PDB file of N, CA and C in Angstrom:
ATOM      1  N   MET A   1      19.986  12.136   9.270  1.00  0.00           N
ATOM      2  CA  MET A   1      18.807  12.961   9.261  1.00  0.00           C
ATOM      3  C   MET A   1      17.818  12.426  10.295  1.00  0.00           C
ATOM      4  N   PRO A   2      17.553  13.120  11.372  1.00  0.00           N
ATOM      5  CA  PRO A   2      16.710  12.588  12.433  1.00  0.00           C
ATOM      6  C   PRO A   2      15.270  12.340  12.004  1.00  0.00           C
ATOM      7  N   GLY A   3      14.676  13.169  11.159  1.00  0.00           N
ATOM      8  CA  GLY A   3      13.296  12.977  10.718  1.00  0.00           C
ATOM      9  C   GLY A   3      13.102  11.683   9.966  1.00  0.00           C
ATOM     10  N   ARG A   4      14.130  11.300   9.224  1.00  0.00           N
ATOM     11  CA  ARG A   4      14.041  10.070   8.435  1.00  0.00           C
ATOM     12  C   ARG A   4      13.926   8.853   9.347  1.00  0.00           C
ATOM     13  N   ASP A   5      14.662   8.835  10.468  1.00  0.00           N
ATOM     14  CA  ASP A   5      14.584   7.729  11.406  1.00  0.00           C
ATOM     15  C   ASP A   5      13.195   7.620  12.014  1.00  0.00           C
ATOM     16  N   LEU A   6      12.561   8.746  12.313  1.00  0.00           N
ATOM     17  CA  LEU A   6      11.207   8.731  12.867  1.00  0.00           C
ATOM     18  C   LEU A   6      10.217   8.163  11.864  1.00  0.00           C
ATOM     19  N   ARG A   7      10.356   8.543  10.599  1.00  0.00           N
ATOM     20  CA  ARG A   7       9.440   8.020   9.577  1.00  0.00           C
ATOM     21  C   ARG A   7       9.608   6.516   9.443  1.00  0.00           C
ATOM     22  N   ARG A   8      10.838   6.045   9.472  1.00  0.00           N
ATOM     23  CA  ARG A   8      11.084   4.617   9.333  1.00  0.00           C
ATOM     24  C   ARG A   8      10.480   3.871  10.518  1.00  0.00           C
ATOM     25  N   ALA A   9      10.584   4.425  11.715  1.00  0.00           N
ATOM     26  CA  ALA A   9      10.041   3.781  12.903  1.00  0.00           C
ATOM     27  C   ALA A   9       8.517   3.778  12.876  1.00  0.00           C
ATOM     28  N   ALA A  10       7.918   4.805  12.288  1.00  0.00           N
ATOM     29  CA  ALA A  10       6.469   4.907  12.270  1.00  0.00           C
ATOM     30  C   ALA A  10       5.849   3.850  11.378  1.00  0.00           C
ATOM     31  N   GLY A  11       6.503   3.464  10.304  1.00  0.00           N
ATOM     32  CA  GLY A  11       5.979   2.445   9.400  1.00  0.00           C
ATOM     33  C   GLY A  11       4.999   3.021   8.391  1.00  0.00           C
ATOM     34  N   TRP A  12       4.723   2.238   7.406  1.00  0.00           N
ATOM     35  CA  TRP A  12       3.830   2.638   6.324  1.00  0.00           C
ATOM     36  C   TRP A  12       2.509   1.907   6.440  1.00  0.00           C
ATOM     37  N   SER A  13       1.470   2.513   5.917  1.00  0.00           N
ATOM     38  CA  SER A  13       0.139   1.901   5.905  1.00  0.00           C
ATOM     39  C   SER A  13      -0.462   2.030   4.513  1.00  0.00           C
ATOM     40  N   VAL A  14      -1.284   1.045   4.168  1.00  0.00           N
ATOM     41  CA  VAL A  14      -2.095   1.092   2.952  1.00  0.00           C
ATOM     42  C   VAL A  14      -3.500   1.421   3.410  1.00  0.00           C
ATOM     43  N   TYR A  15      -4.177   2.308   2.690  1.00  0.00           N
ATOM     44  CA  TYR A  15      -5.548   2.636   3.072  1.00  0.00           C
ATOM     45  C   TYR A  15      -6.458   2.615   1.849  1.00  0.00           C
ATOM     46  N   LEU A  16      -7.700   2.271   2.098  1.00  0.00           N
ATOM     47  CA  LEU A  16      -8.744   2.291   1.081  1.00  0.00           C
ATOM     48  C   LEU A  16      -9.776   3.306   1.555  1.00  0.00           C
ATOM     49  N   ALA A  17     -10.100   4.253   0.685  1.00  0.00           N
ATOM     50  CA  ALA A  17     -11.019   5.327   1.069  1.00  0.00           C
ATOM     51  C   ALA A  17     -12.120   5.472   0.021  1.00  0.00           C
ATOM     52  N   ARG A  18     -13.265   5.956   0.471  1.00  0.00           N
ATOM     53  CA  ARG A  18     -14.385   6.254  -0.424  1.00  0.00           C
ATOM     54  C   ARG A  18     -14.473   7.765  -0.559  1.00  0.00           C
ATOM     55  N   CYS A  19     -14.525   8.226  -1.807  1.00  0.00           N
ATOM     56  CA  CYS A  19     -14.670   9.655  -2.083  1.00  0.00           C
ATOM     57  C   CYS A  19     -16.150  10.027  -2.002  1.00  0.00           C
ATOM     58  N   ALA A  20     -16.432  11.330  -1.980  1.00  0.00           N
ATOM     59  CA  ALA A  20     -17.808  11.810  -1.880  1.00  0.00           C
ATOM     60  C   ALA A  20     -18.645  11.374  -3.092  1.00  0.00           C
ATOM     61  N   ASP A  21     -17.994  11.172  -4.253  1.00  0.00           N
ATOM     62  CA  ASP A  21     -18.724  10.738  -5.449  1.00  0.00           C
ATOM     63  C   ASP A  21     -18.877   9.213  -5.500  1.00  0.00           C
ATOM     64  N   LEU A  22     -18.542   8.525  -4.386  1.00  0.00           N
ATOM     65  CA  LEU A  22     -18.645   7.078  -4.195  1.00  0.00           C
ATOM     66  C   LEU A  22     -17.588   6.278  -4.939  1.00  0.00           C
ATOM     67  N   SER A  23     -16.611   6.947  -5.553  1.00  0.00           N
ATOM     68  CA  SER A  23     -15.493   6.214  -6.140  1.00  0.00           C
ATOM     69  C   SER A  23     -14.559   5.788  -5.009  1.00  0.00           C
ATOM     70  N   LEU A  24     -13.708   4.809  -5.294  1.00  0.00           N
ATOM     71  CA  LEU A  24     -12.788   4.288  -4.290  1.00  0.00           C
ATOM     72  C   LEU A  24     -11.369   4.713  -4.632  1.00  0.00           C
ATOM     73  N   TYR A  25     -10.580   4.979  -3.602  1.00  0.00           N
ATOM     74  CA  TYR A  25      -9.193   5.389  -3.777  1.00  0.00           C
ATOM     75  C   TYR A  25      -8.326   4.583  -2.825  1.00  0.00           C
ATOM     76  N   CYS A  26      -7.223   4.056  -3.327  1.00  0.00           N
ATOM     77  CA  CYS A  26      -6.269   3.315  -2.506  1.00  0.00           C
ATOM     78  C   CYS A  26      -4.943   4.048  -2.547  1.00  0.00           C
ATOM     79  N   GLY A  27      -4.298   4.195  -1.385  1.00  0.00           N
ATOM     80  CA  GLY A  27      -3.017   4.880  -1.318  1.00  0.00           C
ATOM     81  C   GLY A  27      -2.196   4.370  -0.153  1.00  0.00           C
ATOM     82  N   ILE A  28      -0.983   4.907  -0.024  1.00  0.00           N
ATOM     83  CA  ILE A  28      -0.116   4.560   1.100  1.00  0.00           C
ATOM     84  C   ILE A  28       0.306   5.838   1.806  1.00  0.00           C
ATOM     85  N   ALA A  29       0.608   5.722   3.082  1.00  0.00           N
ATOM     86  CA  ALA A  29       1.038   6.888   3.858  1.00  0.00           C
ATOM     87  C   ALA A  29       1.691   6.426   5.148  1.00  0.00           C
ATOM     88  N   ILE A  30       2.519   7.276   5.700  1.00  0.00           N
ATOM     89  CA  ILE A  30       3.065   7.035   7.032  1.00  0.00           C
ATOM     90  C   ILE A  30       2.014   7.421   8.069  1.00  0.00           C
ATOM     91  N   ASP A  31       1.362   8.550   7.853  1.00  0.00           N
ATOM     92  CA  ASP A  31       0.315   9.049   8.746  1.00  0.00           C
ATOM     93  C   ASP A  31      -0.970   9.163   7.929  1.00  0.00           C
ATOM     94  N   VAL A  32      -1.838   8.172   8.036  1.00  0.00           N
ATOM     95  CA  VAL A  32      -3.046   8.111   7.217  1.00  0.00           C
ATOM     96  C   VAL A  32      -3.966   9.307   7.493  1.00  0.00           C
ATOM     97  N   GLU A  33      -4.119   9.678   8.764  1.00  0.00           N
ATOM     98  CA  GLU A  33      -4.993  10.816   9.091  1.00  0.00           C
ATOM     99  C   GLU A  33      -4.517  12.097   8.413  1.00  0.00           C
ATOM    100  N   ALA A  34      -3.217  12.340   8.457  1.00  0.00           N
ATOM    101  CA  ALA A  34      -2.664  13.546   7.833  1.00  0.00           C
ATOM    102  C   ALA A  34      -2.812  13.479   6.312  1.00  0.00           C
ATOM    103  N   ARG A  35      -2.635  12.286   5.749  1.00  0.00           N
ATOM    104  CA  ARG A  35      -2.753  12.135   4.293  1.00  0.00           C
ATOM    105  C   ARG A  35      -4.189  12.372   3.836  1.00  0.00           C
ATOM    106  N   VAL A  36      -5.149  11.849   4.568  1.00  0.00           N
ATOM    107  CA  VAL A  36      -6.563  12.065   4.221  1.00  0.00           C
ATOM    108  C   VAL A  36      -6.913  13.543   4.377  1.00  0.00           C
ATOM    109  N   ALA A  37      -6.379  14.195   5.401  1.00  0.00           N
ATOM    110  CA  ALA A  37      -6.604  15.635   5.567  1.00  0.00           C
ATOM    111  C   ALA A  37      -6.038  16.397   4.375  1.00  0.00           C
ATOM    112  N   ALA A  38      -4.875  15.960   3.867  1.00  0.00           N
ATOM    113  CA  ALA A  38      -4.287  16.601   2.680  1.00  0.00           C
ATOM    114  C   ALA A  38      -5.186  16.389   1.464  1.00  0.00           C
ATOM    115  N   HIS A  39      -5.712  15.177   1.304  1.00  0.00           N
ATOM    116  CA  HIS A  39      -6.647  14.916   0.200  1.00  0.00           C
ATOM    117  C   HIS A  39      -7.851  15.845   0.308  1.00  0.00           C
ATOM    118  N   ASP A  40      -8.418  15.932   1.504  1.00  0.00           N
ATOM    119  CA  ASP A  40      -9.612  16.763   1.721  1.00  0.00           C
ATOM    120  C   ASP A  40      -9.330  18.243   1.481  1.00  0.00           C
ATOM    121  N   ALA A  41      -8.091  18.664   1.733  1.00  0.00           N
ATOM    122  CA  ALA A  41      -7.718  20.061   1.521  1.00  0.00           C
ATOM    123  C   ALA A  41      -7.399  20.351   0.051  1.00  0.00           C
ATOM    124  N   GLY A  42      -7.391  19.308  -0.772  1.00  0.00           N
ATOM    125  CA  GLY A  42      -7.131  19.492  -2.199  1.00  0.00           C
ATOM    126  C   GLY A  42      -5.666  19.480  -2.575  1.00  0.00           C
ATOM    127  N   VAL A  43      -4.793  19.065  -1.652  1.00  0.00           N
ATOM    128  CA  VAL A  43      -3.367  19.028  -1.958  1.00  0.00           C
ATOM    129  C   VAL A  43      -2.816  17.605  -1.956  1.00  0.00           C
ATOM    130  N   GLY A  44      -3.688  16.616  -1.934  1.00  0.00           N
ATOM    131  CA  GLY A  44      -3.254  15.217  -1.991  1.00  0.00           C
ATOM    132  C   GLY A  44      -3.109  14.792  -3.440  1.00  0.00           C
ATOM    133  N   ALA A  45      -3.407  13.559  -3.716  1.00  0.00           N
ATOM    134  CA  ALA A  45      -3.313  13.024  -5.076  1.00  0.00           C
ATOM    135  C   ALA A  45      -4.279  13.753  -6.006  1.00  0.00           C
ATOM    136  N   ARG A  46      -3.899  13.877  -7.248  1.00  0.00           N
ATOM    137  CA  ARG A  46      -4.732  14.588  -8.228  1.00  0.00           C
ATOM    138  C   ARG A  46      -6.123  13.950  -8.338  1.00  0.00           C
ATOM    139  N   TYR A  47      -6.182  12.609  -8.248  1.00  0.00           N
ATOM    140  CA  TYR A  47      -7.470  11.920  -8.387  1.00  0.00           C
ATOM    141  C   TYR A  47      -8.490  12.400  -7.353  1.00  0.00           C
ATOM    142  N   THR A  48      -8.031  12.658  -6.141  1.00  0.00           N
ATOM    143  CA  THR A  48      -8.972  12.987  -5.064  1.00  0.00           C
ATOM    144  C   THR A  48      -9.358  14.463  -5.014  1.00  0.00           C
ATOM    145  N   ARG A  49      -8.703  15.306  -5.795  1.00  0.00           N
ATOM    146  CA  ARG A  49      -9.039  16.733  -5.781  1.00  0.00           C
ATOM    147  C   ARG A  49     -10.451  16.927  -6.303  1.00  0.00           C
ATOM    148  N   GLY A  50     -11.259  17.599  -5.513  1.00  0.00           N
ATOM    149  CA  GLY A  50     -12.642  17.840  -5.900  1.00  0.00           C
ATOM    150  C   GLY A  50     -13.564  16.667  -5.633  1.00  0.00           C
ATOM    151  N   ARG A  51     -13.038  15.581  -5.074  1.00  0.00           N
ATOM    152  CA  ARG A  51     -13.865  14.402  -4.783  1.00  0.00           C
ATOM    153  C   ARG A  51     -14.060  14.196  -3.282  1.00  0.00           C
ATOM    154  N   GLY A  52     -13.597  15.142  -2.471  1.00  0.00           N
ATOM    155  CA  GLY A  52     -13.658  14.987  -1.015  1.00  0.00           C
ATOM    156  C   GLY A  52     -15.009  15.350  -0.474  1.00  0.00           C
ATOM    157  N   PRO A  53     -15.239  15.099   0.773  1.00  0.00           N
ATOM    158  CA  PRO A  53     -14.301  14.522   1.727  1.00  0.00           C
ATOM    159  C   PRO A  53     -14.186  13.001   1.567  1.00  0.00           C
ATOM    160  N   LEU A  54     -13.034  12.476   1.954  1.00  0.00           N
ATOM    161  CA  LEU A  54     -12.791  11.042   1.894  1.00  0.00           C
ATOM    162  C   LEU A  54     -13.193  10.386   3.204  1.00  0.00           C
ATOM    163  N   THR A  55     -13.661   9.159   3.097  1.00  0.00           N
ATOM    164  CA  THR A  55     -13.984   8.343   4.260  1.00  0.00           C
ATOM    165  C   THR A  55     -13.085   7.122   4.216  1.00  0.00           C
ATOM    166  N   VAL A  56     -12.266   6.924   5.231  1.00  0.00           N
ATOM    167  CA  VAL A  56     -11.361   5.773   5.261  1.00  0.00           C
ATOM    168  C   VAL A  56     -12.172   4.523   5.583  1.00  0.00           C
ATOM    169  N   LEU A  57     -12.012   3.506   4.734  1.00  0.00           N
ATOM    170  CA  LEU A  57     -12.761   2.260   4.891  1.00  0.00           C
ATOM    171  C   LEU A  57     -11.913   1.138   5.483  1.00  0.00           C
ATOM    172  N   ALA A  58     -10.623   1.131   5.159  1.00  0.00           N
ATOM    173  CA  ALA A  58      -9.730   0.065   5.641  1.00  0.00           C
ATOM    174  C   ALA A  58      -8.307   0.595   5.701  1.00  0.00           C
ATOM    175  N   VAL A  59      -7.564   0.105   6.682  1.00  0.00           N
ATOM    176  CA  VAL A  59      -6.150   0.474   6.840  1.00  0.00           C
ATOM    177  C   VAL A  59      -5.376  -0.786   7.199  1.00  0.00           C
ATOM    178  N   ARG A  60      -4.198  -0.944   6.594  1.00  0.00           N
ATOM    179  CA  ARG A  60      -3.312  -2.075   6.912  1.00  0.00           C
ATOM    180  C   ARG A  60      -1.891  -1.542   7.089  1.00  0.00           C
ATOM    181  N   ARG A  61      -1.302  -1.757   8.269  1.00  0.00           N
ATOM    182  CA  ARG A  61       0.088  -1.350   8.502  1.00  0.00           C
ATOM    183  C   ARG A  61       1.012  -2.348   7.819  1.00  0.00           C
ATOM    184  N   CYS A  62       2.165  -1.863   7.368  1.00  0.00           N
ATOM    185  CA  CYS A  62       3.108  -2.692   6.618  1.00  0.00           C
ATOM    186  C   CYS A  62       4.502  -2.593   7.206  1.00  0.00           C
ATOM    187  N   ARG A  63       5.349  -3.551   6.859  1.00  0.00           N
ATOM    188  CA  ARG A  63       6.737  -3.573   7.333  1.00  0.00           C
ATOM    189  C   ARG A  63       7.529  -2.384   6.818  1.00  0.00           C
ATOM    190  N   ASP A  64       7.357  -2.114   5.511  1.00  0.00           N
ATOM    191  CA  ASP A  64       8.136  -1.042   4.904  1.00  0.00           C
ATOM    192  C   ASP A  64       7.397  -0.489   3.691  1.00  0.00           C
ATOM    193  N   LYS A  65       7.967   0.524   3.080  1.00  0.00           N
ATOM    194  CA  LYS A  65       7.319   1.197   1.956  1.00  0.00           C
ATOM    195  C   LYS A  65       7.144   0.262   0.768  1.00  0.00           C
ATOM    196  N   GLY A  66       8.128  -0.595   0.513  1.00  0.00           N
ATOM    197  CA  GLY A  66       8.043  -1.514  -0.619  1.00  0.00           C
ATOM    198  C   GLY A  66       6.855  -2.456  -0.501  1.00  0.00           C
ATOM    199  N   VAL A  67       6.649  -2.990   0.683  1.00  0.00           N
ATOM    200  CA  VAL A  67       5.509  -3.884   0.910  1.00  0.00           C
ATOM    201  C   VAL A  67       4.203  -3.108   0.757  1.00  0.00           C
ATOM    202  N   ALA A  68       4.153  -1.896   1.313  1.00  0.00           N
ATOM    203  CA  ALA A  68       2.945  -1.072   1.194  1.00  0.00           C
ATOM    204  C   ALA A  68       2.623  -0.793  -0.270  1.00  0.00           C
ATOM    205  N   LEU A  69       3.644  -0.481  -1.064  1.00  0.00           N
ATOM    206  CA  LEU A  69       3.426  -0.236  -2.490  1.00  0.00           C
ATOM    207  C   LEU A  69       2.927  -1.486  -3.206  1.00  0.00           C
ATOM    208  N   SER A  70       3.457  -2.643  -2.835  1.00  0.00           N
ATOM    209  CA  SER A  70       3.016  -3.901  -3.451  1.00  0.00           C
ATOM    210  C   SER A  70       1.560  -4.202  -3.113  1.00  0.00           C
ATOM    211  N   ILE A  71       1.182  -3.979  -1.863  1.00  0.00           N
ATOM    212  CA  ILE A  71      -0.213  -4.213  -1.460  1.00  0.00           C
ATOM    213  C   ILE A  71      -1.129  -3.215  -2.161  1.00  0.00           C
ATOM    214  N   GLU A  72      -0.707  -1.952  -2.218  1.00  0.00           N
ATOM    215  CA  GLU A  72      -1.497  -0.933  -2.919  1.00  0.00           C
ATOM    216  C   GLU A  72      -1.724  -1.343  -4.371  1.00  0.00           C
ATOM    217  N   HIS A  73      -0.673  -1.804  -5.025  1.00  0.00           N
ATOM    218  CA  HIS A  73      -0.798  -2.228  -6.421  1.00  0.00           C
ATOM    219  C   HIS A  73      -1.773  -3.397  -6.553  1.00  0.00           C
ATOM    220  N   ALA A  74      -1.663  -4.371  -5.634  1.00  0.00           N
ATOM    221  CA  ALA A  74      -2.561  -5.527  -5.669  1.00  0.00           C
ATOM    222  C   ALA A  74      -4.016  -5.092  -5.501  1.00  0.00           C
ATOM    223  N   VAL A  75      -4.269  -4.162  -4.595  1.00  0.00           N
ATOM    224  CA  VAL A  75      -5.640  -3.678  -4.372  1.00  0.00           C
ATOM    225  C   VAL A  75      -6.137  -2.935  -5.613  1.00  0.00           C
ATOM    226  N   LYS A  76      -5.286  -2.116  -6.210  1.00  0.00           N
ATOM    227  CA  LYS A  76      -5.702  -1.348  -7.386  1.00  0.00           C
ATOM    228  C   LYS A  76      -6.022  -2.244  -8.576  1.00  0.00           C
ATOM    229  N   GLN A  77      -5.467  -3.470  -8.605  1.00  0.00           N
ATOM    230  CA  GLN A  77      -5.756  -4.397  -9.694  1.00  0.00           C
ATOM    231  C   GLN A  77      -7.098  -5.116  -9.526  1.00  0.00           C
ATOM    232  N   LEU A  78      -7.674  -5.034  -8.333  1.00  0.00           N
ATOM    233  CA  LEU A  78      -8.945  -5.719  -8.069  1.00  0.00           C
ATOM    234  C   LEU A  78     -10.102  -5.010  -8.765  1.00  0.00           C
ATOM    235  N   PRO A  79     -11.107  -5.769  -9.183  1.00  0.00           N
ATOM    236  CA  PRO A  79     -12.317  -5.116  -9.708  1.00  0.00           C
ATOM    237  C   PRO A  79     -13.058  -4.397  -8.582  1.00  0.00           C
ATOM    238  N   ARG A  80     -13.894  -3.474  -8.952  1.00  0.00           N
ATOM    239  CA  ARG A  80     -14.615  -2.658  -7.963  1.00  0.00           C
ATOM    240  C   ARG A  80     -15.371  -3.519  -6.948  1.00  0.00           C
ATOM    241  N   ALA A  81     -15.994  -4.587  -7.393  1.00  0.00           N
ATOM    242  CA  ALA A  81     -16.765  -5.439  -6.479  1.00  0.00           C
ATOM    243  C   ALA A  81     -15.873  -6.014  -5.373  1.00  0.00           C
ATOM    244  N   ARG A  82     -14.657  -6.424  -5.716  1.00  0.00           N
ATOM    245  CA  ARG A  82     -13.732  -6.965  -4.701  1.00  0.00           C
ATOM    246  C   ARG A  82     -13.255  -5.863  -3.761  1.00  0.00           C
ATOM    247  N   LYS A  83     -13.082  -4.649  -4.286  1.00  0.00           N
ATOM    248  CA  LYS A  83     -12.691  -3.530  -3.422  1.00  0.00           C
ATOM    249  C   LYS A  83     -13.812  -3.212  -2.440  1.00  0.00           C
ATOM    250  N   LEU A  84     -15.047  -3.275  -2.904  1.00  0.00           N
ATOM    251  CA  LEU A  84     -16.178  -3.050  -2.012  1.00  0.00           C
ATOM    252  C   LEU A  84     -16.255  -4.138  -0.948  1.00  0.00           C
ATOM    253  N   ALA A  85     -15.912  -5.374  -1.320  1.00  0.00           N
ATOM    254  CA  ALA A  85     -15.874  -6.462  -0.337  1.00  0.00           C
ATOM    255  C   ALA A  85     -14.785  -6.185   0.709  1.00  0.00           C
ATOM    256  N   LEU A  86     -13.647  -5.630   0.279  1.00  0.00           N
ATOM    257  CA  LEU A  86     -12.600  -5.234   1.233  1.00  0.00           C
ATOM    258  C   LEU A  86     -13.107  -4.155   2.179  1.00  0.00           C
ATOM    259  N   ALA A  87     -13.863  -3.212   1.630  1.00  0.00           N
ATOM    260  CA  ALA A  87     -14.403  -2.130   2.453  1.00  0.00           C
ATOM    261  C   ALA A  87     -15.376  -2.686   3.497  1.00  0.00           C
ATOM    262  N   ALA A  88     -16.156  -3.692   3.107  1.00  0.00           N
ATOM    263  CA  ALA A  88     -17.134  -4.282   4.032  1.00  0.00           C
ATOM    264  C   ALA A  88     -16.459  -5.155   5.088  1.00  0.00           C
ATOM    265  N   ALA A  89     -15.323  -5.749   4.733  1.00  0.00           N
ATOM    266  CA  ALA A  89     -14.599  -6.625   5.663  1.00  0.00           C
ATOM    267  C   ALA A  89     -13.107  -6.300   5.573  1.00  0.00           C
ATOM    268  N   PRO A  90     -12.664  -5.230   6.245  1.00  0.00           N
ATOM    269  CA  PRO A  90     -11.272  -4.782   6.132  1.00  0.00           C
ATOM    270  C   PRO A  90     -10.242  -5.849   6.500  1.00  0.00           C
ATOM    271  N   GLU A  91     -10.632  -6.844   7.298  1.00  0.00           N
ATOM    272  CA  GLU A  91      -9.679  -7.900   7.660  1.00  0.00           C
ATOM    273  C   GLU A  91      -9.231  -8.700   6.438  1.00  0.00           C
ATOM    274  N   ARG A  92      -9.948  -8.585   5.322  1.00  0.00           N
ATOM    275  CA  ARG A  92      -9.546  -9.273   4.091  1.00  0.00           C
ATOM    276  C   ARG A  92      -8.247  -8.698   3.517  1.00  0.00           C
ATOM    277  N   LEU A  93      -7.893  -7.498   3.917  1.00  0.00           N
ATOM    278  CA  LEU A  93      -6.604  -6.934   3.494  1.00  0.00           C
ATOM    279  C   LEU A  93      -5.448  -7.808   3.982  1.00  0.00           C
ATOM    280  N   ALA A  94      -5.656  -8.509   5.083  1.00  0.00           N
ATOM    281  CA  ALA A  94      -4.613  -9.392   5.611  1.00  0.00           C
ATOM    282  C   ALA A  94      -4.292 -10.497   4.606  1.00  0.00           C
ATOM    283  N   GLY A  95      -5.299 -11.011   3.920  1.00  0.00           N
ATOM    284  CA  GLY A  95      -5.068 -12.044   2.909  1.00  0.00           C
ATOM    285  C   GLY A  95      -4.238 -11.524   1.745  1.00  0.00           C
ATOM    286  N   ILE A  96      -4.523 -10.305   1.312  1.00  0.00           N
ATOM    287  CA  ILE A  96      -3.737  -9.694   0.232  1.00  0.00           C
ATOM    288  C   ILE A  96      -2.308  -9.473   0.708  1.00  0.00           C
ATOM    289  N   ALA A  97      -2.156  -9.016   1.953  1.00  0.00           N
ATOM    290  CA  ALA A  97      -0.821  -8.791   2.509  1.00  0.00           C
ATOM    291  C   ALA A  97      -0.044 -10.105   2.574  1.00  0.00           C
ATOM    292  N   ARG A  98      -0.689 -11.194   3.005  1.00  0.00           N
ATOM    293  CA  ARG A  98      -0.010 -12.494   3.066  1.00  0.00           C
ATOM    294  C   ARG A  98       0.472 -12.921   1.684  1.00  0.00           C
ATOM    295  N   ALA A  99      -0.375 -12.733   0.672  1.00  0.00           N
ATOM    296  CA  ALA A  99       0.014 -13.093  -0.696  1.00  0.00           C
ATOM    297  C   ALA A  99       1.210 -12.276  -1.154  1.00  0.00           C
ATOM    298  N   VAL A 100       1.225 -10.998  -0.828  1.00  0.00           N
ATOM    299  CA  VAL A 100       2.351 -10.131  -1.203  1.00  0.00           C
ATOM    300  C   VAL A 100       3.624 -10.577  -0.486  1.00  0.00           C
ATOM    301  N   TYR A 101       3.526 -10.865   0.825  1.00  0.00           N
ATOM    302  CA  TYR A 101       4.698 -11.310   1.572  1.00  0.00           C
ATOM    303  C   TYR A 101       5.238 -12.628   1.002  1.00  0.00           C
ATOM    304  N   ARG A 102       4.334 -13.568   0.669  1.00  0.00           N
ATOM    305  CA  ARG A 102       4.771 -14.850   0.087  1.00  0.00           C
ATOM    306  C   ARG A 102       5.473 -14.633  -1.243  1.00  0.00           C
ATOM    307  N   ARG A 103       4.879 -13.798  -2.089  1.00  0.00           N
ATOM    308  CA  ARG A 103       5.453 -13.536  -3.407  1.00  0.00           C
ATOM    309  C   ARG A 103       6.831 -12.881  -3.262  1.00  0.00           C
ATOM    310  N   ARG A 104       6.940 -11.921  -2.344  1.00  0.00           N
ATOM    311  CA  ARG A 104       8.218 -11.226  -2.153  1.00  0.00           C
ATOM    312  C   ARG A 104       9.281 -12.175  -1.600  1.00  0.00           C
ATOM    313  N   SER A 105       8.916 -13.066  -0.682  1.00  0.00           N
ATOM    314  CA  SER A 105       9.915 -13.982  -0.112  1.00  0.00           C
ATOM    315  C   SER A 105      10.326 -15.020  -1.151  1.00  0.00           C
ATOM    316  N   ARG A 106       9.392 -15.452  -1.988  1.00  0.00           N
ATOM    317  CA  ARG A 106       9.721 -16.421  -3.041  1.00  0.00           C
ATOM    318  C   ARG A 106      10.692 -15.805  -4.045  1.00  0.00           C
ATOM    319  N   VAL A 107      10.453 -14.548  -4.418  1.00  0.00           N
ATOM    320  CA  VAL A 107      11.324 -13.857  -5.364  1.00  0.00           C
ATOM    321  C   VAL A 107      12.700 -13.646  -4.761  1.00  0.00           C
ATOM    322  N   SER A 108      12.773 -13.237  -3.495  1.00  0.00           N
ATOM    323  CA  SER A 108      14.078 -12.976  -2.882  1.00  0.00           C
ATOM    324  C   SER A 108      14.869 -14.276  -2.721  1.00  0.00           C
ATOM    325  N   ARG A 109      14.206 -15.375  -2.400  1.00  0.00           N
ATOM    326  CA  ARG A 109      14.912 -16.658  -2.289  1.00  0.00           C
ATOM    327  C   ARG A 109      15.433 -17.094  -3.650  1.00  0.00           C
ATOM    328  N   ARG A 110      14.603 -16.928  -4.676  1.00  0.00           N
ATOM    329  CA  ARG A 110      15.007 -17.312  -6.021  1.00  0.00           C
ATOM    330  C   ARG A 110      16.209 -16.490  -6.477  1.00  0.00           C
ATOM    331  N   GLY A 111      16.173 -15.193  -6.206  1.00  0.00           N
ATOM    332  CA  GLY A 111      17.253 -14.311  -6.612  1.00  0.00           C
ATOM    333  C   GLY A 111      18.568 -14.677  -5.950  1.00  0.00           C
ATOM    334  N   SER A 112      18.554 -15.008  -4.658  1.00  0.00           N
ATOM    335  CA  SER A 112      19.800 -15.336  -3.965  1.00  0.00           C
ATOM    336  C   SER A 112      20.332 -16.689  -4.423  1.00  0.00           C
ATOM    337  N   ALA A 113      19.463 -17.641  -4.751  1.00  0.00           N
ATOM    338  CA  ALA A 113      19.907 -18.947  -5.225  1.00  0.00           C
ATOM    339  C   ALA A 113      20.564 -18.820  -6.597  1.00  0.00           C
ATOM    340  N   VAL A 114      20.008 -17.987  -7.453  1.00  0.00           N
ATOM    341  CA  VAL A 114      20.575 -17.794  -8.776  1.00  0.00           C
ATOM    342  C   VAL A 114      21.952 -17.164  -8.660  1.00  0.00           C
ATOM    343  N   GLN A 115      22.112 -16.194  -7.810  1.00  0.00           N
ATOM    344  CA  GLN A 115      23.403 -15.542  -7.634  1.00  0.00           C
ATOM    345  C   GLN A 115      24.434 -16.502  -7.071  1.00  0.00           C
ATOM    346  N   ALA A 116      24.017 -17.399  -6.177  1.00  0.00           N
ATOM    347  CA  ALA A 116      24.947 -18.324  -5.553  1.00  0.00           C
ATOM    348  C   ALA A 116      25.459 -19.358  -6.553  1.00  0.00           C
ATOM    349  N   THR A 117      24.670 -19.766  -7.534  1.00  0.00           N
ATOM    350  CA  THR A 117      25.066 -20.803  -8.476  1.00  0.00           C
ATOM    351  C   THR A 117      25.719 -20.238  -9.736  1.00  0.00           C
ATOM    352  N   ARG A 118      25.677 -18.964  -9.920  1.00  0.00           N
ATOM    353  CA  ARG A 118      26.159 -18.354 -11.150  1.00  0.00           C
ATOM    354  C   ARG A 118      27.685 -18.374 -11.265  1.00  0.00           C
ATOM    355  N   GLY A 119      28.374 -18.174 -10.180  1.00  0.00           N
ATOM    356  CA  GLY A 119      29.824 -18.130 -10.223  1.00  0.00           C
ATOM    357  C   GLY A 119      30.330 -16.742 -10.547  1.00  0.00           C
ATOM    358  N   PRO A 120      31.644 -16.609 -10.730  1.00  0.00           N
ATOM    359  CA  PRO A 120      32.205 -15.292 -10.993  1.00  0.00           C
ATOM    360  C   PRO A 120      31.807 -14.765 -12.370  1.00  0.00           C
ATOM    361  N   ARG A 121      31.758 -13.462 -12.477  1.00  0.00           N
ATOM    362  CA  ARG A 121      31.424 -12.824 -13.753  1.00  0.00           C
ATOM    363  C   ARG A 121      32.612 -12.914 -14.704  1.00  0.00           C
ATOM    364  N   PRO A 122      32.361 -13.134 -15.985  1.00  0.00           N
ATOM    365  CA  PRO A 122      33.462 -13.093 -16.944  1.00  0.00           C
ATOM    366  C   PRO A 122      33.934 -11.659 -17.142  1.00  0.00           C
ATOM    367  N   ARG A 123      35.199 -11.485 -17.408  1.00  0.00           N
ATOM    368  CA  ARG A 123      35.747 -10.130 -17.583  1.00  0.00           C
ATOM    369  C   ARG A 123      35.868  -9.751 -19.016  1.00  0.00           C
TER     370      ARG A 123
END
């Protein structure tokens, strides 16, 4: 499928946006501008319907969708004050991304070591 290769090459991004009612929204997208336009048109996420227009406060490009989802989850777990601090200093998203990358590499190393020492499965 040729379109799929283009999406993979484009990469994923995590974005933090402020809605018109001053609430904050975090999401992921391949094309952030198009995704925000969809939110503003009322066809994006249910949360943003009726809360537009959105203002993008921070964007972080990611290696792949899994990493973007992990960063999005980490941001959504932050209290509002920390999200506002991210909005004021978007470079702080890099710290969250580093923590996610470290956690993911630690888990993948642990998983491969366990598989290597386990031996054959019993039948």
